[in-house]
């Protein structure tokens, strides 16, 4: 066997495994980068959802629309809606409504504020509109809710 043919055979014997190793390493690198991208996207969704939930807790009394929160988060309404829905399985509107309703129920249960005062505190200019929404969501008017869910007398003292 000539030296030239020997070099070609050795080159093939060495280059094939090296090329295979390179392709395998490139594949692993790509797969790892994809997993990092998925984790980053997932954590970004969670971060946005947490920021949204925190904003709702502190601003439900004067911000009632998802667009208001998207503006504060510097993202589009569609992106906010999709992200929150993907993370919580709830719409942004429903989360806002639930927070307002939770606070309305808390105020009805723990305070003796009038329905008008509660309506004002929750950011509703129209008391009748607040009463309609409350009834629609709970099945009770605010007055009926307060009457049926009054705290025990010893709790107040």
Protein backbone atom coordinates (compact mmCIF):
# COMPACT_ATOMS: atom_id res chain seq x y z
CA UNK A 1 0.00 0.00 0.00
CA UNK A 2 1.41 3.35 -0.96
CA UNK A 3 1.96 6.15 1.48
CA UNK A 4 -0.68 8.27 -0.28
CA UNK A 5 -3.36 5.57 0.04
CA UNK A 6 -2.38 4.96 3.65
CA UNK A 7 -2.81 8.68 4.44
CA UNK A 8 -6.25 8.70 2.76
CA UNK A 9 -7.36 5.63 4.73
CA UNK A 10 -6.10 7.12 7.99
CA UNK A 11 -7.78 10.45 7.14
CA UNK A 12 -11.12 8.63 6.62
CA UNK A 13 -10.68 6.62 9.80
CA UNK A 14 -10.00 9.76 11.83
CA UNK A 15 -12.28 12.30 10.10
CA UNK A 16 -15.48 10.25 10.23
CA UNK A 17 -15.55 9.92 14.05
CA UNK A 18 -14.51 13.57 14.45
CA UNK A 19 -17.28 14.71 12.12
CA UNK A 20 -19.79 12.52 13.98
CA UNK A 21 -18.67 13.96 17.31
CA UNK A 22 -18.95 17.50 15.95
CA UNK A 23 -22.49 16.91 14.64
CA UNK A 24 -23.53 15.32 17.95
CA UNK A 25 -22.07 18.22 19.93
CA UNK A 26 -23.83 20.77 17.69
CA UNK A 27 -27.12 18.91 18.19
CA UNK A 28 -26.70 18.89 21.96
CA UNK A 29 -25.81 22.57 21.97
CA UNK A 30 -28.92 23.43 19.92
CA UNK A 31 -31.15 21.32 22.18
CA UNK A 32 -29.71 22.96 25.29
CA UNK A 33 -30.30 26.44 23.84
CA UNK A 34 -33.91 25.50 23.03
CA UNK A 35 -34.49 24.35 26.62
CA UNK A 36 -33.03 27.60 27.95
CA UNK A 37 -35.32 29.58 25.63
CA UNK A 38 -38.37 27.62 26.84
CA UNK A 39 -37.39 28.17 30.49
CA UNK A 40 -36.79 31.88 29.87
CA UNK A 41 -40.15 32.24 28.14
CA UNK A 42 -41.90 30.36 30.94
CA UNK A 43 -40.25 32.43 33.64
CA UNK A 44 -41.05 35.65 31.74
CA UNK A 45 -44.71 34.61 31.64
CA UNK A 46 -44.68 33.96 35.38
CA UNK A 47 -42.97 37.28 36.07
CA UNK A 48 -45.47 39.21 33.94
CA UNK A 49 -48.38 37.41 35.59
CA UNK A 50 -47.03 38.15 39.08
CA UNK A 51 -46.53 41.80 38.21
CA UNK A 52 -50.06 41.96 36.80
CA UNK A 53 -51.55 40.33 39.91
CA UNK A 54 -49.63 42.73 42.15
CA UNK A 55 -50.82 45.72 40.14
CA UNK A 56 -54.41 44.48 40.36
CA UNK A 57 -54.17 44.11 44.16
CA UNK A 58 -53.02 47.70 44.49
CA UNK A 59 -55.01 49.41 41.73
CA UNK A 60 -58.36 47.57 41.36
CA UNK A 61 -60.25 50.55 42.78
CA UNK A 62 -59.34 52.82 39.87
CA UNK A 63 -58.03 50.55 37.07
CA UNK A 64 -60.77 48.28 35.74
CA UNK A 65 -59.61 47.44 32.18
CA UNK A 66 -56.87 45.07 31.05
CA UNK A 67 -55.60 47.86 28.78
CA UNK A 68 -54.82 49.97 31.86
CA UNK A 69 -52.61 47.22 33.27
CA UNK A 70 -50.96 46.46 29.91
CA UNK A 71 -50.04 50.14 29.66
CA UNK A 72 -48.48 50.08 33.14
CA UNK A 73 -46.52 46.92 32.24
CA UNK A 74 -45.41 48.39 28.88
CA UNK A 75 -46.81 45.46 26.89
CA UNK A 76 -49.73 45.01 24.52
CA UNK A 77 -53.16 44.05 25.80
CA UNK A 78 -53.11 40.92 23.64
CA UNK A 79 -49.75 39.82 25.06
CA UNK A 80 -50.94 40.47 28.62
CA UNK A 81 -54.18 38.54 28.04
CA UNK A 82 -52.40 35.60 26.39
CA UNK A 83 -49.65 35.45 29.03
CA UNK A 84 -52.00 35.62 32.03
CA UNK A 85 -54.41 33.12 30.45
CA UNK A 86 -51.54 30.70 29.75
CA UNK A 87 -50.20 31.03 33.29
CA UNK A 88 -53.41 31.11 35.36
CA UNK A 89 -56.10 29.73 33.04
CA UNK A 90 -58.11 32.89 33.84
CA UNK A 91 -58.68 35.99 31.74
CA UNK A 92 -57.29 39.32 32.88
CA UNK A 93 -60.81 40.77 33.05
CA UNK A 94 -61.97 37.95 35.31
CA UNK A 95 -59.00 38.42 37.64
CA UNK A 96 -59.76 42.14 37.93
CA UNK A 97 -63.46 41.42 38.57
CA UNK A 98 -62.62 38.81 41.21
CA UNK A 99 -60.37 41.25 43.05
CA UNK A 100 -63.06 43.96 43.03
CA UNK A 101 -65.69 41.45 44.15
CA UNK A 102 -63.44 40.09 46.91
CA UNK A 103 -62.92 43.60 48.27
CA UNK A 104 -66.64 44.40 48.00
CA UNK A 105 -67.47 41.27 49.98
CA UNK A 106 -64.81 42.10 52.56
CA UNK A 107 -66.16 45.62 53.01
CA UNK A 108 -69.75 44.37 53.25
CA UNK A 109 -68.78 41.78 55.85
CA UNK A 110 -66.35 43.72 58.03
CA UNK A 111 -67.61 47.31 57.83
CA UNK A 112 -70.86 49.16 58.22
CA UNK A 113 -70.14 51.43 55.26
CA UNK A 114 -73.11 52.19 53.04
CA UNK A 115 -73.41 50.59 49.60
CA UNK A 116 -72.76 54.04 48.11
CA UNK A 117 -69.54 54.41 50.14
CA UNK A 118 -68.38 50.94 49.11
CA UNK A 119 -69.25 51.66 45.49
CA UNK A 120 -67.19 54.87 45.66
CA UNK A 121 -64.25 53.13 47.37
CA UNK A 122 -64.20 50.53 44.60
CA UNK A 123 -64.10 53.22 41.93
CA UNK A 124 -67.65 53.03 40.64
CA UNK A 125 -69.26 56.39 39.96
CA UNK A 126 -72.66 54.76 39.53
CA UNK A 127 -73.89 52.90 42.62
CA UNK A 128 -76.63 51.16 40.59
CA UNK A 129 -74.06 49.78 38.16
CA UNK A 130 -71.99 48.42 41.05
CA UNK A 131 -75.13 46.80 42.51
CA UNK A 132 -75.98 45.15 39.16
CA UNK A 133 -72.46 43.75 38.78
CA UNK A 134 -72.43 42.51 42.38
CA UNK A 135 -75.79 40.75 41.97
CA UNK A 136 -74.74 39.21 38.67
CA UNK A 137 -71.55 37.76 40.20
CA UNK A 138 -72.87 36.66 43.62
CA UNK A 139 -76.60 36.12 43.12
CA UNK A 140 -77.30 38.63 45.92
CA UNK A 141 -77.65 42.38 46.07
CA UNK A 142 -75.02 43.98 48.33
CA UNK A 143 -77.68 44.48 51.01
CA UNK A 144 -78.82 40.85 50.81
CA UNK A 145 -75.21 39.67 50.90
CA UNK A 146 -74.53 41.70 54.03
CA UNK A 147 -77.71 40.40 55.68
CA UNK A 148 -76.98 36.73 54.88
CA UNK A 149 -73.28 36.94 55.74
CA UNK A 150 -73.25 39.10 58.84
CA UNK A 151 -70.33 38.40 61.18
CA UNK A 152 -71.12 36.95 64.59
CA UNK A 153 -72.04 39.62 67.11
CA UNK A 154 -69.14 38.72 69.44
CA UNK A 155 -66.75 39.24 66.52
CA UNK A 156 -67.59 42.93 66.38
CA UNK A 157 -66.74 43.54 70.04
